Amino acid sequence: MPLTAEQQLEAMRRVAAWRADPAQPVACPACGTPGLAVIDRSARPHAEWYALACPACGLSETLHIPLGAAVPTLD
């Protein structure tokens, strides 16, 4: 079952926490159980893509976070 809008927002918060400290366990945005696997498959500078998998509830989702367009320098 896909993540709800609220769960997607929570997933983004948890990915941000994972990026800040990858050694800390991450709780699943669907069931709340620690142990969420996060794989960074981003295509920066265009978008961030994360594969999320939870062994407890079977969650298997890809989270897409679009990034702003690159701004050319004026130099």
C-alpha atoms as a PDB file:
ATOM      1  CA  MET A   1       0.000   0.000   0.000  1.00  0.00           C
ATOM      2  CA  PRO A   2       1.479   3.406  -0.925  1.00  0.00           C
ATOM      3  CA  LEU A   3       2.413   5.926   1.729  1.00  0.00           C
ATOM      4  CA  THR A   4      -0.173   8.566   2.580  1.00  0.00           C
ATOM      5  CA  ALA A   5       0.720  12.243   2.165  1.00  0.00           C
ATOM      6  CA  GLU A   6       1.359  12.481   5.907  1.00  0.00           C
ATOM      7  CA  GLN A   7       3.590   9.393   5.820  1.00  0.00           C
ATOM      8  CA  GLN A   8       5.512  10.834   2.862  1.00  0.00           C
ATOM      9  CA  LEU A   9       6.232  13.999   4.858  1.00  0.00           C
ATOM     10  CA  GLU A  10       7.366  11.865   7.778  1.00  0.00           C
ATOM     11  CA  ALA A  11       9.530   9.807   5.402  1.00  0.00           C
ATOM     12  CA  MET A  12      11.228  13.031   4.221  1.00  0.00           C
ATOM     13  CA  ARG A  13      11.919  14.007   7.852  1.00  0.00           C
ATOM     14  CA  ARG A  14      13.357  10.576   8.585  1.00  0.00           C
ATOM     15  CA  VAL A  15      15.540  10.618   5.468  1.00  0.00           C
ATOM     16  CA  ALA A  16      16.855  14.036   6.560  1.00  0.00           C
ATOM     17  CA  ALA A  17      17.698  12.570   9.987  1.00  0.00           C
ATOM     18  CA  TRP A  18      19.362   9.580   8.286  1.00  0.00           C
ATOM     19  CA  ARG A  19      21.456  11.916   6.130  1.00  0.00           C
ATOM     20  CA  ALA A  20      22.535  13.830   9.249  1.00  0.00           C
ATOM     21  CA  ASP A  21      23.567  10.630  11.077  1.00  0.00           C
ATOM     22  CA  PRO A  22      23.491   7.442   8.959  1.00  0.00           C
ATOM     23  CA  ALA A  23      24.675   5.322  11.905  1.00  0.00           C
ATOM     24  CA  GLN A  24      21.446   5.928  13.863  1.00  0.00           C
ATOM     25  CA  PRO A  25      18.518   3.549  13.269  1.00  0.00           C
ATOM     26  CA  VAL A  26      15.622   5.035  11.312  1.00  0.00           C
ATOM     27  CA  ALA A  27      12.004   4.252  12.160  1.00  0.00           C
ATOM     28  CA  CYS A  28       9.627   3.268   9.368  1.00  0.00           C
ATOM     29  CA  PRO A  29       7.183   6.045   8.399  1.00  0.00           C
ATOM     30  CA  ALA A  30       4.414   3.454   7.978  1.00  0.00           C
ATOM     31  CA  CYS A  31       4.704   1.259  11.098  1.00  0.00           C
ATOM     32  CA  GLY A  32       7.148   3.174  13.322  1.00  0.00           C
ATOM     33  CA  THR A  33       9.482   0.221  13.822  1.00  0.00           C
ATOM     34  CA  PRO A  34      13.215   1.050  13.830  1.00  0.00           C
ATOM     35  CA  GLY A  35      15.262  -0.643  11.124  1.00  0.00           C
ATOM     36  CA  LEU A  36      14.170   1.148   7.952  1.00  0.00           C
ATOM     37  CA  ALA A  37      16.710   0.591   5.172  1.00  0.00           C
ATOM     38  CA  VAL A  38      17.491   3.766   3.223  1.00  0.00           C
ATOM     39  CA  ILE A  39      19.422   3.667  -0.055  1.00  0.00           C
ATOM     40  CA  ASP A  40      20.383   6.969  -1.684  1.00  0.00           C
ATOM     41  CA  ARG A  41      19.829   6.739  -5.446  1.00  0.00           C
ATOM     42  CA  SER A  42      19.856  10.477  -6.060  1.00  0.00           C
ATOM     43  CA  ALA A  43      20.578  12.163  -9.363  1.00  0.00           C
ATOM     44  CA  ARG A  44      21.901  15.437  -8.005  1.00  0.00           C
ATOM     45  CA  PRO A  45      21.613  18.316  -8.828  1.00  0.00           C
ATOM     46  CA  HIS A  46      18.234  17.446 -10.368  1.00  0.00           C
ATOM     47  CA  ALA A  47      16.505  15.288  -7.759  1.00  0.00           C
ATOM     48  CA  GLU A  48      16.955  13.188  -4.669  1.00  0.00           C
ATOM     49  CA  TRP A  49      15.701   9.582  -4.834  1.00  0.00           C
ATOM     50  CA  TYR A  50      15.656   7.256  -1.859  1.00  0.00           C
ATOM     51  CA  ALA A  51      14.697   3.589  -1.804  1.00  0.00           C
ATOM     52  CA  LEU A  52      12.994   2.760   1.499  1.00  0.00           C
ATOM     53  CA  ALA A  53      12.449  -0.780   2.803  1.00  0.00           C
ATOM     54  CA  CYS A  54      11.069  -1.952   6.139  1.00  0.00           C
ATOM     55  CA  PRO A  55      11.586  -5.597   7.135  1.00  0.00           C
ATOM     56  CA  ALA A  56       8.884  -5.321   9.836  1.00  0.00           C
ATOM     57  CA  CYS A  57       5.898  -4.263   7.705  1.00  0.00           C
ATOM     58  CA  GLY A  58       7.156  -4.956   4.181  1.00  0.00           C
ATOM     59  CA  LEU A  59       7.237  -1.310   3.079  1.00  0.00           C
ATOM     60  CA  SER A  60       9.034  -0.937  -0.235  1.00  0.00           C
ATOM     61  CA  GLU A  61       8.811   2.617  -1.553  1.00  0.00           C
ATOM     62  CA  THR A  62      10.830   5.101  -3.537  1.00  0.00           C
ATOM     63  CA  LEU A  63      10.814   8.664  -2.253  1.00  0.00           C
ATOM     64  CA  HIS A  64      11.384  11.408  -4.842  1.00  0.00           C
ATOM     65  CA  ILE A  65      12.384  14.916  -3.772  1.00  0.00           C
ATOM     66  CA  PRO A  66      12.730  17.336  -6.715  1.00  0.00           C
ATOM     67  CA  LEU A  67      15.482  19.919  -6.428  1.00  0.00           C
ATOM     68  CA  GLY A  68      15.497  23.414  -7.898  1.00  0.00           C
ATOM     69  CA  ALA A  69      17.011  24.066 -11.272  1.00  0.00           C
ATOM     70  CA  ALA A  70      20.659  24.954 -11.374  1.00  0.00           C
ATOM     71  CA  VAL A  71      21.227  28.705 -11.563  1.00  0.00           C
ATOM     72  CA  PRO A  72      23.983  29.782 -13.930  1.00  0.00           C
ATOM     73  CA  THR A  73      26.624  32.001 -12.378  1.00  0.00           C
ATOM     74  CA  LEU A  74      27.000  35.611 -13.476  1.00  0.00           C
ATOM     75  CA  ASP A  75      30.788  35.422 -13.373  1.00  0.00           C
END
